[in-house]
């Protein structure tokens, strides 16, 4: 069920982005055609009304799917504690087997500092 709503949500998002980009802004943007009258699929005013209405419907669908996904995520979660994920150490606190004690010391082969020489 959650997958179906996520797919619907993504389709609404893509459609909402496309409709917003089709709208004519003051700068022109990707506007759906504009300017002069003449024969056309829709008048400038009719296209603006249809795109505005479509944007509002898609925005409402976006909010609805977002709320539904949020509610589903809340009810499907299982209570977990971060401290339950930490592995339990076998030694006691005073045994000296801490994280730093588990590190292996590096072997020292050459104790002389290496200084670059020019040739």
N, C-alpha and C. Protein backbone atom coordinates (compact mmCIF):
# COMPACT_ATOMS: atom_id res chain seq x y z
N UNK A 1 0.83 -1.20 0.00
CA UNK A 1 0.00 0.00 0.00
C UNK A 1 0.87 1.26 0.00
N UNK A 2 1.92 1.20 0.81
CA UNK A 2 2.79 2.37 0.91
C UNK A 2 3.50 2.63 -0.42
N UNK A 3 3.87 1.57 -1.12
CA UNK A 3 4.53 1.72 -2.42
C UNK A 3 3.61 2.38 -3.43
N UNK A 4 2.35 2.02 -3.42
CA UNK A 4 1.38 2.62 -4.35
C UNK A 4 1.26 4.12 -4.09
N UNK A 5 1.19 4.50 -2.83
CA UNK A 5 1.06 5.93 -2.51
C UNK A 5 2.33 6.68 -2.86
N UNK A 6 3.49 6.05 -2.68
CA UNK A 6 4.75 6.70 -3.06
C UNK A 6 4.79 6.93 -4.57
N UNK A 7 4.34 5.95 -5.35
CA UNK A 7 4.32 6.10 -6.81
C UNK A 7 3.35 7.21 -7.21
N UNK A 8 2.19 7.25 -6.60
CA UNK A 8 1.23 8.33 -6.89
C UNK A 8 1.83 9.68 -6.50
N UNK A 9 2.49 9.72 -5.35
CA UNK A 9 3.12 10.96 -4.87
C UNK A 9 4.17 11.44 -5.88
N UNK A 10 4.99 10.54 -6.39
CA UNK A 10 6.01 10.93 -7.36
C UNK A 10 5.40 11.41 -8.68
N UNK A 11 4.32 10.77 -9.11
CA UNK A 11 3.66 11.24 -10.33
C UNK A 11 3.06 12.62 -10.14
N UNK A 12 2.49 12.88 -8.96
CA UNK A 12 1.94 14.20 -8.67
C UNK A 12 3.06 15.24 -8.66
N UNK A 13 4.21 14.88 -8.10
CA UNK A 13 5.34 15.81 -8.04
C UNK A 13 5.81 16.17 -9.44
N UNK A 14 5.97 15.18 -10.30
CA UNK A 14 6.42 15.44 -11.67
C UNK A 14 5.39 16.30 -12.41
N UNK A 15 4.12 15.99 -12.26
CA UNK A 15 3.08 16.78 -12.92
C UNK A 15 3.05 18.20 -12.39
N UNK A 16 3.23 18.36 -11.08
CA UNK A 16 3.21 19.69 -10.47
C UNK A 16 4.37 20.54 -10.99
N UNK A 17 5.54 19.94 -11.10
CA UNK A 17 6.69 20.67 -11.64
C UNK A 17 6.43 21.07 -13.09
N UNK A 18 5.88 20.16 -13.88
CA UNK A 18 5.61 20.47 -15.29
C UNK A 18 4.59 21.60 -15.41
N UNK A 19 3.53 21.56 -14.61
CA UNK A 19 2.49 22.59 -14.71
C UNK A 19 3.04 23.94 -14.26
N UNK A 20 3.85 23.95 -13.22
CA UNK A 20 4.42 25.22 -12.76
C UNK A 20 5.35 25.80 -13.82
N UNK A 21 6.11 24.94 -14.49
CA UNK A 21 7.00 25.44 -15.53
C UNK A 21 6.24 25.91 -16.77
N UNK A 22 5.05 25.39 -17.00
CA UNK A 22 4.26 25.82 -18.15
C UNK A 22 3.61 27.18 -17.94
N UNK A 23 3.44 27.57 -16.71
CA UNK A 23 2.76 28.83 -16.44
C UNK A 23 3.60 30.01 -16.90
N UNK A 24 2.92 31.00 -17.32
CA UNK A 24 3.58 32.20 -17.80
C UNK A 24 3.83 33.13 -16.63
N UNK A 25 5.09 33.47 -16.48
CA UNK A 25 5.44 34.39 -15.40
C UNK A 25 5.69 35.77 -16.00
N UNK A 26 6.08 36.68 -15.15
CA UNK A 26 6.35 38.04 -15.65
C UNK A 26 7.56 38.05 -16.56
N UNK A 27 8.48 37.12 -16.34
CA UNK A 27 9.68 37.06 -17.16
C UNK A 27 9.50 36.22 -18.40
N UNK A 28 8.41 35.54 -18.55
CA UNK A 28 8.17 34.72 -19.72
C UNK A 28 8.30 33.24 -19.41
N UNK A 29 9.37 32.83 -18.78
CA UNK A 29 9.66 31.45 -18.40
C UNK A 29 9.46 30.51 -19.57
N UNK A 30 8.83 29.38 -19.36
CA UNK A 30 8.59 28.43 -20.44
C UNK A 30 7.19 28.59 -21.00
N UNK A 31 6.54 29.67 -20.68
CA UNK A 31 5.15 29.93 -20.99
C UNK A 31 4.56 29.14 -22.13
N UNK A 32 3.30 28.85 -22.04
CA UNK A 32 2.64 27.96 -22.96
C UNK A 32 2.27 28.65 -24.27
N UNK A 33 2.77 29.66 -24.55
CA UNK A 33 2.36 30.38 -25.74
C UNK A 33 1.78 31.67 -25.23
N UNK A 34 1.87 32.61 -25.96
CA UNK A 34 1.33 33.82 -25.40
C UNK A 34 1.30 34.90 -26.45
N UNK A 35 1.07 36.01 -25.97
CA UNK A 35 1.09 37.15 -26.86
C UNK A 35 -0.20 37.26 -27.62
N UNK A 36 -0.06 37.51 -28.87
CA UNK A 36 -1.16 37.89 -29.73
C UNK A 36 -2.34 36.94 -29.74
N UNK A 37 -3.42 37.48 -30.23
CA UNK A 37 -4.64 36.70 -30.31
C UNK A 37 -4.53 35.68 -31.41
N UNK A 38 -5.52 35.62 -32.20
CA UNK A 38 -5.49 34.69 -33.31
C UNK A 38 -5.92 33.30 -32.89
N UNK A 39 -5.89 32.44 -33.84
CA UNK A 39 -6.31 31.08 -33.58
C UNK A 39 -5.35 30.40 -32.62
N UNK A 40 -5.91 29.70 -31.76
CA UNK A 40 -5.06 29.01 -30.81
C UNK A 40 -5.87 27.99 -30.05
N UNK A 41 -5.19 27.18 -29.40
CA UNK A 41 -5.84 26.13 -28.63
C UNK A 41 -6.66 26.73 -27.51
N UNK A 42 -6.08 27.70 -26.79
CA UNK A 42 -6.79 28.38 -25.72
C UNK A 42 -6.36 29.83 -25.72
N UNK A 43 -7.21 30.66 -25.23
CA UNK A 43 -6.80 32.06 -25.10
C UNK A 43 -5.80 32.14 -23.94
N UNK A 44 -5.08 33.23 -23.85
CA UNK A 44 -4.09 33.40 -22.79
C UNK A 44 -4.76 33.36 -21.42
N UNK A 45 -5.93 33.97 -21.35
CA UNK A 45 -6.63 34.00 -20.06
C UNK A 45 -7.17 32.62 -19.69
N UNK A 46 -7.70 31.90 -20.66
CA UNK A 46 -8.22 30.55 -20.41
C UNK A 46 -7.12 29.60 -20.01
N UNK A 47 -5.94 29.72 -20.66
CA UNK A 47 -4.81 28.87 -20.30
C UNK A 47 -4.34 29.17 -18.89
N UNK A 48 -4.31 30.44 -18.53
CA UNK A 48 -3.88 30.82 -17.19
C UNK A 48 -4.84 30.28 -16.14
N UNK A 49 -6.15 30.37 -16.42
CA UNK A 49 -7.12 29.84 -15.46
C UNK A 49 -7.00 28.33 -15.32
N UNK A 50 -6.83 27.63 -16.45
CA UNK A 50 -6.73 26.17 -16.40
C UNK A 50 -5.46 25.74 -15.68
N UNK A 51 -4.35 26.42 -15.96
CA UNK A 51 -3.09 26.06 -15.30
C UNK A 51 -3.13 26.38 -13.81
N UNK A 52 -3.78 27.48 -13.46
CA UNK A 52 -3.90 27.83 -12.04
C UNK A 52 -4.75 26.80 -11.31
N UNK A 53 -5.84 26.40 -11.93
CA UNK A 53 -6.71 25.40 -11.32
C UNK A 53 -5.99 24.06 -11.22
N UNK A 54 -5.26 23.67 -12.26
CA UNK A 54 -4.51 22.42 -12.25
C UNK A 54 -3.43 22.45 -11.17
N UNK A 55 -2.76 23.59 -11.03
CA UNK A 55 -1.74 23.73 -9.99
C UNK A 55 -2.34 23.56 -8.61
N UNK A 56 -3.50 24.15 -8.39
CA UNK A 56 -4.15 24.04 -7.08
C UNK A 56 -4.56 22.60 -6.79
N UNK A 57 -5.08 21.91 -7.80
CA UNK A 57 -5.50 20.51 -7.60
C UNK A 57 -4.28 19.63 -7.32
N UNK A 58 -3.21 19.82 -8.10
CA UNK A 58 -2.01 19.02 -7.89
C UNK A 58 -1.35 19.33 -6.54
N UNK A 59 -1.40 20.59 -6.12
CA UNK A 59 -0.84 20.96 -4.81
C UNK A 59 -1.63 20.29 -3.69
N UNK A 60 -2.95 20.26 -3.82
CA UNK A 60 -3.78 19.59 -2.81
C UNK A 60 -3.48 18.09 -2.79
N UNK A 61 -3.30 17.48 -3.96
CA UNK A 61 -2.96 16.06 -4.02
C UNK A 61 -1.59 15.80 -3.42
N UNK A 62 -0.64 16.73 -3.65
CA UNK A 62 0.69 16.61 -3.07
C UNK A 62 0.62 16.63 -1.55
N UNK A 63 -0.11 17.58 -0.99
CA UNK A 63 -0.25 17.66 0.47
C UNK A 63 -0.96 16.43 1.02
N UNK A 64 -1.99 15.96 0.33
CA UNK A 64 -2.73 14.79 0.81
C UNK A 64 -1.84 13.55 0.83
N UNK A 65 -1.08 13.32 -0.24
CA UNK A 65 -0.21 12.14 -0.26
C UNK A 65 0.92 12.28 0.75
N UNK A 66 1.41 13.50 0.96
CA UNK A 66 2.45 13.71 1.96
C UNK A 66 1.94 13.38 3.36
N UNK A 67 0.74 13.83 3.67
CA UNK A 67 0.16 13.56 4.99
C UNK A 67 -0.10 12.06 5.16
N UNK A 68 -0.63 11.41 4.13
CA UNK A 68 -0.90 9.98 4.21
C UNK A 68 0.40 9.20 4.41
N UNK A 69 1.46 9.57 3.68
CA UNK A 69 2.74 8.89 3.85
C UNK A 69 3.32 9.13 5.25
N UNK A 70 3.15 10.32 5.77
CA UNK A 70 3.62 10.61 7.13
C UNK A 70 2.89 9.82 8.18
N UNK A 71 1.58 9.72 8.03
CA UNK A 71 0.77 8.95 9.00
C UNK A 71 1.12 7.47 8.90
N UNK A 72 1.30 6.95 7.67
CA UNK A 72 1.66 5.55 7.51
C UNK A 72 3.03 5.26 8.09
N UNK A 73 3.96 6.17 7.93
CA UNK A 73 5.30 5.98 8.50
C UNK A 73 5.24 5.96 10.02
N UNK A 74 4.38 6.77 10.59
CA UNK A 74 4.26 6.82 12.04
C UNK A 74 3.67 5.53 12.59
N UNK A 75 2.65 4.99 11.95
CA UNK A 75 2.01 3.78 12.46
C UNK A 75 2.79 2.51 12.15
N UNK A 76 3.64 2.54 11.12
CA UNK A 76 4.41 1.36 10.75
C UNK A 76 5.76 1.27 11.46
N UNK A 77 6.13 2.29 12.20
CA UNK A 77 7.44 2.26 12.84
C UNK A 77 7.42 1.33 14.05
N UNK A 78 8.55 0.73 14.31
CA UNK A 78 8.67 -0.12 15.49
C UNK A 78 9.54 0.62 16.49
N UNK A 79 9.15 0.63 17.74
CA UNK A 79 9.93 1.37 18.72
C UNK A 79 11.31 0.73 18.92
N UNK A 80 12.32 1.52 18.72
CA UNK A 80 13.69 1.05 18.90
C UNK A 80 14.44 2.03 19.77
N UNK A 81 15.43 1.52 20.43
CA UNK A 81 16.26 2.34 21.28
C UNK A 81 17.67 2.31 20.71
N UNK A 82 18.30 3.46 20.62
CA UNK A 82 19.64 3.53 20.08
C UNK A 82 20.60 2.70 20.92
N UNK A 83 20.38 2.68 22.22
CA UNK A 83 21.28 1.95 23.10
C UNK A 83 21.18 0.44 22.91
N UNK A 84 20.09 -0.05 22.34
CA UNK A 84 19.97 -1.48 22.09
C UNK A 84 20.87 -1.93 20.95
N UNK A 85 21.32 -1.03 20.12
CA UNK A 85 22.16 -1.38 18.98
C UNK A 85 23.63 -1.50 19.35
N UNK A 86 24.03 -1.02 20.52
CA UNK A 86 25.43 -1.07 20.93
C UNK A 86 25.75 -2.49 21.40
N UNK A 87 26.81 -3.11 20.85
CA UNK A 87 27.13 -4.47 21.30
C UNK A 87 27.63 -4.47 22.74
N UNK A 88 27.27 -5.49 23.47
CA UNK A 88 27.68 -5.61 24.86
C UNK A 88 29.07 -6.20 24.91
N UNK A 89 29.98 -5.55 25.69
CA UNK A 89 31.33 -6.06 25.83
C UNK A 89 31.36 -7.15 26.88
N UNK A 90 32.23 -8.14 26.70
CA UNK A 90 32.32 -9.26 27.62
C UNK A 90 33.03 -8.90 28.92
N UNK A 91 34.05 -8.05 28.86
CA UNK A 91 34.82 -7.70 30.06
C UNK A 91 34.08 -6.69 30.92
N UNK A 92 34.50 -6.63 32.20
CA UNK A 92 33.91 -5.63 33.08
C UNK A 92 34.63 -4.31 32.88
N UNK A 93 34.15 -3.28 33.54
CA UNK A 93 34.71 -1.94 33.34
C UNK A 93 36.15 -1.85 33.81
N UNK A 94 36.53 -2.53 34.86
CA UNK A 94 37.88 -2.41 35.41
C UNK A 94 38.85 -3.42 34.85
N UNK A 95 38.47 -4.19 33.81
CA UNK A 95 39.35 -5.25 33.32
C UNK A 95 40.43 -4.73 32.38
N UNK A 96 40.36 -3.48 31.97
CA UNK A 96 41.38 -2.93 31.09
C UNK A 96 41.22 -3.38 29.65
N UNK A 97 40.03 -3.80 29.25
CA UNK A 97 39.79 -4.23 27.88
C UNK A 97 38.90 -3.24 27.16
N UNK A 98 39.32 -1.99 27.16
CA UNK A 98 38.56 -0.96 26.48
C UNK A 98 38.90 -0.93 25.00
N UNK A 99 38.34 0.01 24.31
CA UNK A 99 38.57 0.13 22.88
C UNK A 99 40.03 0.43 22.59
N UNK A 100 40.65 1.30 23.36
CA UNK A 100 42.05 1.64 23.12
C UNK A 100 42.98 0.48 23.46
N UNK A 101 42.59 -0.38 24.39
CA UNK A 101 43.42 -1.52 24.74
C UNK A 101 43.41 -2.59 23.65
N UNK A 102 42.38 -2.59 22.81
CA UNK A 102 42.28 -3.58 21.74
C UNK A 102 43.14 -3.22 20.54
N UNK A 103 43.61 -1.98 20.45
CA UNK A 103 44.45 -1.57 19.33
C UNK A 103 45.82 -2.19 19.45
N UNK A 104 46.36 -2.63 18.35
CA UNK A 104 47.69 -3.24 18.33
C UNK A 104 48.73 -2.14 18.18
N UNK A 105 49.82 -2.19 18.97
CA UNK A 105 50.87 -1.17 18.80
C UNK A 105 51.60 -1.38 17.48
N UNK A 106 52.04 -0.27 16.90
CA UNK A 106 52.78 -0.36 15.64
C UNK A 106 54.20 -0.81 15.92
N UNK A 107 54.73 -1.61 15.03
CA UNK A 107 56.11 -2.05 15.17
C UNK A 107 57.04 -0.95 14.70
N UNK A 108 58.05 -0.69 15.50
CA UNK A 108 59.01 0.36 15.15
C UNK A 108 60.24 -0.29 14.56
N UNK A 109 60.47 -0.08 13.27
CA UNK A 109 61.62 -0.67 12.59
C UNK A 109 62.82 0.25 12.65
N UNK A 110 62.62 1.51 12.36
CA UNK A 110 63.73 2.45 12.29
C UNK A 110 63.41 3.61 13.22
N UNK A 111 64.26 3.84 14.20
CA UNK A 111 64.00 4.92 15.15
C UNK A 111 64.59 6.24 14.71
N UNK A 112 65.44 6.24 13.66
CA UNK A 112 66.02 7.49 13.19
C UNK A 112 64.99 8.26 12.37
N UNK A 113 64.91 9.57 12.58
CA UNK A 113 63.99 10.37 11.76
C UNK A 113 64.48 10.41 10.32
N UNK A 114 63.54 10.33 9.42
CA UNK A 114 63.91 10.37 8.02
C UNK A 114 63.89 11.80 7.53
N UNK A 115 65.06 12.26 7.10
CA UNK A 115 65.22 13.62 6.62
C UNK A 115 65.51 13.57 5.14
N UNK A 116 64.79 14.31 4.33
CA UNK A 116 65.08 14.29 2.89
C UNK A 116 66.45 14.91 2.60
N UNK A 117 67.16 14.30 1.72
CA UNK A 117 68.47 14.84 1.33
C UNK A 117 68.42 15.22 -0.14
N UNK A 118 69.15 16.24 -0.48
CA UNK A 118 69.23 16.66 -1.88
C UNK A 118 70.41 15.98 -2.53
N UNK A 119 70.25 15.59 -3.78
CA UNK A 119 71.33 14.88 -4.47
C UNK A 119 71.90 15.69 -5.58
